[in-house]
Amino acid sequence: MEKLFEFDSEEFDDYGSDSINYIEDETDVEDSGEETLGEGKKIDKIFDNNFGQTEYESTTISFNVHPSYHTYSSHDDEMDNRLLYEEIDALIMNSEYAQFNALDEYNKVKKLSKLQINKVYTFVIVNINTTHRKMDVFSILSDYFDIYPYKFYSSLSNKYKNELIMELDKSTNILEKRKIRKLF
């Protein structure tokens, strides 16, 4: 007979030898919800459980955003801007305005005139997806052509300036705060 557990017989003398059960064969084990290890050995699910222990242990995982994405805006806004930039790039490169982004012999882009800025802005606003805000399109276009936003804005016609200001006013209510009544 094989013993499952080793006990000091002095502790259990009061209970008698019948209180320590021996299992001789797996066929003697009834289906009581206990698993068997092999010949005559069983696992008690109550005392020999692994509750609270994980089977998979690993090192701490750290997550860092690539340095090119570190900005003051949220990552969602950055991704939206990148998608908008790609959409604007595709529009311009497949149009007559692709020449405005061509490099000269010194690997520099020629600066756009006021008329060219208005034409490109009009083309993009008319052909871009309407879900994008005009302020975002304005910002991406000024970056795309490497023009200071102030110069880009001052080169636009009054119609587009007014549209930009009105869109800005919707989100910030700046006209009422500054008590501006007439724009142009």
C-alpha atoms as a PDB file:
ATOM      1  CA  MET A   1       0.000   0.000   0.000  1.00  0.00           C
ATOM      2  CA  GLU A   2       1.308   3.458  -0.942  1.00  0.00           C
ATOM      3  CA  LYS A   3       0.777   6.386   1.395  1.00  0.00           C
ATOM      4  CA  LEU A   4      -0.512   9.686   0.054  1.00  0.00           C
ATOM      5  CA  PHE A   5       0.577  11.763   2.995  1.00  0.00           C
ATOM      6  CA  GLU A   6       3.180  11.407   5.652  1.00  0.00           C
ATOM      7  CA  PHE A   7       1.741  12.015   9.113  1.00  0.00           C
ATOM      8  CA  ASP A   8       3.184  11.797  12.541  1.00  0.00           C
ATOM      9  CA  SER A   9       1.259   8.884  13.972  1.00  0.00           C
ATOM     10  CA  GLU A  10       1.307  10.341  17.469  1.00  0.00           C
ATOM     11  CA  GLU A  11      -0.897  13.279  16.338  1.00  0.00           C
ATOM     12  CA  PHE A  12      -3.535  11.018  14.892  1.00  0.00           C
ATOM     13  CA  ASP A  13      -3.576   8.199  17.450  1.00  0.00           C
ATOM     14  CA  ASP A  14      -6.689   9.642  19.062  1.00  0.00           C
ATOM     15  CA  TYR A  15      -8.631   9.238  15.821  1.00  0.00           C
ATOM     16  CA  GLY A  16      -7.497   5.803  15.027  1.00  0.00           C
ATOM     17  CA  SER A  17      -5.772   4.435  11.980  1.00  0.00           C
ATOM     18  CA  ASP A  18      -9.024   4.456   9.996  1.00  0.00           C
ATOM     19  CA  SER A  19      -8.999   8.250   9.727  1.00  0.00           C
ATOM     20  CA  ILE A  20      -6.027   8.222   7.310  1.00  0.00           C
ATOM     21  CA  ASN A  21      -7.231   6.845   3.989  1.00  0.00           C
ATOM     22  CA  TYR A  22      -4.991   5.002   1.585  1.00  0.00           C
ATOM     23  CA  ILE A  23      -5.825   4.587  -2.072  1.00  0.00           C
ATOM     24  CA  GLU A  24      -4.468   1.514  -3.746  1.00  0.00           C
ATOM     25  CA  ASP A  25      -5.821   1.886  -7.242  1.00  0.00           C
ATOM     26  CA  GLU A  26      -7.392   4.572  -9.441  1.00  0.00           C
ATOM     27  CA  THR A  27     -10.488   2.458  -9.810  1.00  0.00           C
ATOM     28  CA  ASP A  28     -11.205   3.002  -6.123  1.00  0.00           C
ATOM     29  CA  VAL A  29     -11.575   6.759  -6.679  1.00  0.00           C
ATOM     30  CA  GLU A  30     -15.129   7.859  -7.206  1.00  0.00           C
ATOM     31  CA  ASP A  31     -15.873  10.904  -9.339  1.00  0.00           C
ATOM     32  CA  SER A  32     -15.898  13.390  -6.524  1.00  0.00           C
ATOM     33  CA  GLY A  33     -14.554  16.317  -8.539  1.00  0.00           C
ATOM     34  CA  GLU A  34     -10.956  15.492  -7.707  1.00  0.00           C
ATOM     35  CA  GLU A  35      -8.304  14.966 -10.338  1.00  0.00           C
ATOM     36  CA  THR A  36      -5.886  12.077 -10.172  1.00  0.00           C
ATOM     37  CA  LEU A  37      -2.140  12.280 -10.612  1.00  0.00           C
ATOM     38  CA  GLY A  38      -1.459   8.680 -11.305  1.00  0.00           C
ATOM     39  CA  GLU A  39      -1.420   5.505  -9.319  1.00  0.00           C
ATOM     40  CA  GLY A  40      -3.281   6.040  -6.118  1.00  0.00           C
ATOM     41  CA  LYS A  41      -2.589   9.820  -5.884  1.00  0.00           C
ATOM     42  CA  LYS A  42      -5.167  12.523  -6.147  1.00  0.00           C
ATOM     43  CA  ILE A  43      -5.247  16.333  -6.138  1.00  0.00           C
ATOM     44  CA  ASP A  44      -7.589  17.996  -3.734  1.00  0.00           C
ATOM     45  CA  LYS A  45      -9.139  20.982  -5.578  1.00  0.00           C
ATOM     46  CA  ILE A  46      -9.805  22.815  -2.332  1.00  0.00           C
ATOM     47  CA  PHE A  47      -6.364  22.630  -0.773  1.00  0.00           C
ATOM     48  CA  ASP A  48      -4.166  22.224  -3.861  1.00  0.00           C
ATOM     49  CA  ASN A  49      -5.702  24.916  -6.063  1.00  0.00           C
ATOM     50  CA  ASN A  50      -3.916  27.595  -8.029  1.00  0.00           C
ATOM     51  CA  PHE A  51      -6.511  30.282  -7.463  1.00  0.00           C
ATOM     52  CA  GLY A  52      -4.949  33.734  -7.578  1.00  0.00           C
ATOM     53  CA  GLN A  53      -1.795  32.524  -9.259  1.00  0.00           C
ATOM     54  CA  THR A  54      -1.101  33.392 -12.847  1.00  0.00           C
ATOM     55  CA  GLU A  55       0.251  30.903 -15.277  1.00  0.00           C
ATOM     56  CA  TYR A  56       1.948  33.595 -17.346  1.00  0.00           C
ATOM     57  CA  GLU A  57       4.473  35.803 -15.698  1.00  0.00           C
ATOM     58  CA  SER A  58       6.491  38.341 -17.610  1.00  0.00           C
ATOM     59  CA  THR A  59       8.389  41.526 -17.152  1.00  0.00           C
ATOM     60  CA  THR A  60       6.688  44.881 -16.986  1.00  0.00           C
ATOM     61  CA  ILE A  61       5.725  46.164 -20.403  1.00  0.00           C
ATOM     62  CA  SER A  62       6.443  49.802 -21.058  1.00  0.00           C
ATOM     63  CA  PHE A  63       4.833  51.773 -23.835  1.00  0.00           C
ATOM     64  CA  ASN A  64       6.462  54.856 -25.298  1.00  0.00           C
ATOM     65  CA  VAL A  65       5.161  56.953 -28.124  1.00  0.00           C
ATOM     66  CA  HIS A  66       7.637  57.556 -30.928  1.00  0.00           C
ATOM     67  CA  PRO A  67       9.373  60.944 -30.488  1.00  0.00           C
ATOM     68  CA  SER A  68       7.970  62.265 -33.780  1.00  0.00           C
ATOM     69  CA  TYR A  69       4.477  62.174 -32.216  1.00  0.00           C
ATOM     70  CA  HIS A  70       5.288  64.197 -29.093  1.00  0.00           C
ATOM     71  CA  THR A  71       3.249  67.355 -29.419  1.00  0.00           C
ATOM     72  CA  TYR A  72       0.997  69.474 -27.281  1.00  0.00           C
ATOM     73  CA  SER A  73      -2.126  68.090 -28.931  1.00  0.00           C
ATOM     74  CA  SER A  74      -3.701  64.702 -28.346  1.00  0.00           C
ATOM     75  CA  HIS A  75      -2.639  61.666 -30.341  1.00  0.00           C
ATOM     76  CA  ASP A  76      -6.076  61.441 -31.939  1.00  0.00           C
ATOM     77  CA  ASP A  77      -5.726  64.998 -33.226  1.00  0.00           C
ATOM     78  CA  GLU A  78      -2.256  64.195 -34.533  1.00  0.00           C
ATOM     79  CA  MET A  79      -3.565  61.196 -36.441  1.00  0.00           C
ATOM     80  CA  ASP A  80      -6.455  63.251 -37.841  1.00  0.00           C
ATOM     81  CA  ASN A  81      -4.001  65.927 -38.971  1.00  0.00           C
ATOM     82  CA  ARG A  82      -1.752  63.336 -40.581  1.00  0.00           C
ATOM     83  CA  LEU A  83      -4.707  61.840 -42.475  1.00  0.00           C
ATOM     84  CA  LEU A  84      -5.825  65.301 -43.562  1.00  0.00           C
ATOM     85  CA  TYR A  85      -2.274  66.117 -44.691  1.00  0.00           C
ATOM     86  CA  GLU A  86      -2.186  62.929 -46.792  1.00  0.00           C
ATOM     87  CA  GLU A  87      -5.597  63.734 -48.291  1.00  0.00           C
ATOM     88  CA  ILE A  88      -4.507  67.273 -49.185  1.00  0.00           C
ATOM     89  CA  ASP A  89      -1.227  65.973 -50.604  1.00  0.00           C
ATOM     90  CA  ALA A  90      -3.094  63.503 -52.837  1.00  0.00           C
ATOM     91  CA  LEU A  91      -5.438  66.264 -54.039  1.00  0.00           C
ATOM     92  CA  ILE A  92      -2.635  68.663 -54.880  1.00  0.00           C
ATOM     93  CA  MET A  93      -0.324  66.096 -56.470  1.00  0.00           C
ATOM     94  CA  ASN A  94      -3.132  64.964 -58.811  1.00  0.00           C
ATOM     95  CA  SER A  95      -3.986  68.489 -59.907  1.00  0.00           C
ATOM     96  CA  GLU A  96      -2.507  71.367 -61.826  1.00  0.00           C
ATOM     97  CA  TYR A  97      -1.179  72.740 -58.534  1.00  0.00           C
ATOM     98  CA  ALA A  98       1.439  69.985 -58.152  1.00  0.00           C
ATOM     99  CA  GLN A  99       3.977  72.350 -59.715  1.00  0.00           C
ATOM    100  CA  PHE A 100       3.627  74.664 -56.703  1.00  0.00           C
ATOM    101  CA  ASN A 101       5.213  72.028 -54.522  1.00  0.00           C
ATOM    102  CA  ALA A 102       8.077  71.157 -56.888  1.00  0.00           C
ATOM    103  CA  LEU A 103      11.661  71.692 -55.786  1.00  0.00           C
ATOM    104  CA  ASP A 104      13.984  73.987 -57.697  1.00  0.00           C
ATOM    105  CA  GLU A 105      17.673  73.302 -58.469  1.00  0.00           C
ATOM    106  CA  TYR A 106      18.601  74.305 -54.887  1.00  0.00           C
ATOM    107  CA  ASN A 107      16.063  71.862 -53.368  1.00  0.00           C
ATOM    108  CA  LYS A 108      13.827  74.683 -52.216  1.00  0.00           C
ATOM    109  CA  VAL A 109      10.139  75.182 -52.854  1.00  0.00           C
ATOM    110  CA  LYS A 110       9.195  78.415 -54.583  1.00  0.00           C
ATOM    111  CA  LYS A 111       7.077  80.745 -52.480  1.00  0.00           C
ATOM    112  CA  LEU A 112       3.510  81.201 -53.615  1.00  0.00           C
ATOM    113  CA  SER A 113       2.028  84.535 -54.571  1.00  0.00           C
ATOM    114  CA  LYS A 114      -1.247  85.817 -53.071  1.00  0.00           C
ATOM    115  CA  LEU A 115      -3.152  84.752 -56.163  1.00  0.00           C
ATOM    116  CA  GLN A 116      -1.650  81.244 -56.078  1.00  0.00           C
ATOM    117  CA  ILE A 117      -2.430  80.869 -52.363  1.00  0.00           C
ATOM    118  CA  ASN A 118      -6.069  81.808 -53.024  1.00  0.00           C
ATOM    119  CA  LYS A 119      -6.309  79.394 -55.963  1.00  0.00           C
ATOM    120  CA  VAL A 120      -4.850  76.474 -54.036  1.00  0.00           C
ATOM    121  CA  TYR A 121      -6.965  77.185 -50.951  1.00  0.00           C
ATOM    122  CA  THR A 122     -10.124  77.430 -53.083  1.00  0.00           C
ATOM    123  CA  PHE A 123      -9.277  74.178 -54.882  1.00  0.00           C
ATOM    124  CA  VAL A 124      -8.660  72.282 -51.659  1.00  0.00           C
ATOM    125  CA  ILE A 125     -11.735  73.670 -49.841  1.00  0.00           C
ATOM    126  CA  VAL A 126     -13.989  72.764 -52.776  1.00  0.00           C
ATOM    127  CA  ASN A 127     -12.565  69.255 -53.257  1.00  0.00           C
ATOM    128  CA  ILE A 128     -11.762  68.130 -49.723  1.00  0.00           C
ATOM    129  CA  ASN A 129     -13.993  65.922 -47.594  1.00  0.00           C
ATOM    130  CA  THR A 130     -16.585  68.146 -45.889  1.00  0.00           C
ATOM    131  CA  THR A 131     -16.030  66.545 -42.479  1.00  0.00           C
ATOM    132  CA  HIS A 132     -12.815  68.526 -42.026  1.00  0.00           C
ATOM    133  CA  ARG A 133     -12.925  71.956 -40.449  1.00  0.00           C
ATOM    134  CA  LYS A 134     -11.681  74.857 -42.557  1.00  0.00           C
ATOM    135  CA  MET A 135      -9.361  75.901 -39.729  1.00  0.00           C
ATOM    136  CA  ASP A 136      -7.651  72.497 -39.932  1.00  0.00           C
ATOM    137  CA  VAL A 137      -7.372  72.716 -43.718  1.00  0.00           C
ATOM    138  CA  PHE A 138      -5.918  76.223 -43.366  1.00  0.00           C
ATOM    139  CA  SER A 139      -3.358  74.997 -40.833  1.00  0.00           C
ATOM    140  CA  ILE A 140      -2.313  71.978 -42.893  1.00  0.00           C
ATOM    141  CA  LEU A 141      -2.026  74.034 -46.090  1.00  0.00           C
ATOM    142  CA  SER A 142       0.193  76.629 -44.429  1.00  0.00           C
ATOM    143  CA  ASP A 143       2.423  73.799 -43.203  1.00  0.00           C
ATOM    144  CA  TYR A 144       2.278  72.004 -46.542  1.00  0.00           C
ATOM    145  CA  PHE A 145       3.584  74.996 -48.478  1.00  0.00           C
ATOM    146  CA  ASP A 146       5.809  76.167 -45.596  1.00  0.00           C
ATOM    147  CA  ILE A 147       4.148  79.567 -45.352  1.00  0.00           C
ATOM    148  CA  TYR A 148       3.724  81.376 -42.064  1.00  0.00           C
ATOM    149  CA  PRO A 149       0.053  81.198 -41.034  1.00  0.00           C
ATOM    150  CA  TYR A 150      -0.114  84.998 -40.707  1.00  0.00           C
ATOM    151  CA  LYS A 151       1.121  85.480 -44.296  1.00  0.00           C
ATOM    152  CA  PHE A 152      -1.134  82.693 -45.532  1.00  0.00           C
ATOM    153  CA  TYR A 153      -4.135  84.262 -43.779  1.00  0.00           C
ATOM    154  CA  SER A 154      -3.376  87.773 -45.027  1.00  0.00           C
ATOM    155  CA  SER A 155      -3.088  86.428 -48.589  1.00  0.00           C
ATOM    156  CA  LEU A 156      -6.584  84.948 -48.531  1.00  0.00           C
ATOM    157  CA  SER A 157      -9.561  86.820 -49.880  1.00  0.00           C
ATOM    158  CA  ASN A 158     -11.984  88.443 -47.420  1.00  0.00           C
ATOM    159  CA  LYS A 159     -14.533  85.718 -48.133  1.00  0.00           C
ATOM    160  CA  TYR A 160     -12.215  82.985 -46.837  1.00  0.00           C
ATOM    161  CA  LYS A 161     -10.979  85.101 -43.946  1.00  0.00           C
ATOM    162  CA  ASN A 162     -14.573  85.645 -42.886  1.00  0.00           C
ATOM    163  CA  GLU A 163     -15.343  81.897 -43.124  1.00  0.00           C
ATOM    164  CA  LEU A 164     -12.326  81.083 -40.969  1.00  0.00           C
ATOM    165  CA  ILE A 165     -13.223  83.696 -38.355  1.00  0.00           C
ATOM    166  CA  MET A 166     -16.849  82.561 -38.230  1.00  0.00           C
ATOM    167  CA  GLU A 167     -15.771  78.928 -37.778  1.00  0.00           C
ATOM    168  CA  LEU A 168     -13.375  79.994 -35.041  1.00  0.00           C
ATOM    169  CA  ASP A 169     -16.148  82.013 -33.423  1.00  0.00           C
ATOM    170  CA  LYS A 170     -18.444  78.950 -33.368  1.00  0.00           C
ATOM    171  CA  SER A 171     -15.953  77.011 -31.294  1.00  0.00           C
ATOM    172  CA  THR A 172     -14.600  79.808 -29.069  1.00  0.00           C
ATOM    173  CA  ASN A 173     -17.198  82.600 -29.156  1.00  0.00           C
ATOM    174  CA  ILE A 174     -14.325  85.056 -29.587  1.00  0.00           C
ATOM    175  CA  LEU A 175     -16.329  87.762 -31.381  1.00  0.00           C
ATOM    176  CA  GLU A 176     -18.747  88.203 -28.517  1.00  0.00           C
ATOM    177  CA  LYS A 177     -16.012  88.074 -25.882  1.00  0.00           C
ATOM    178  CA  ARG A 178     -14.078  90.835 -27.604  1.00  0.00           C
ATOM    179  CA  LYS A 179     -17.233  92.696 -28.628  1.00  0.00           C
ATOM    180  CA  ILE A 180     -16.339  92.668 -32.334  1.00  0.00           C
ATOM    181  CA  ARG A 181     -19.256  93.587 -34.573  1.00  0.00           C
ATOM    182  CA  LYS A 182     -17.745  94.185 -37.987  1.00  0.00           C
ATOM    183  CA  LEU A 183     -15.027  92.036 -39.470  1.00  0.00           C
ATOM    184  CA  PHE A 184     -14.274  93.760 -42.790  1.00  0.00           C
END
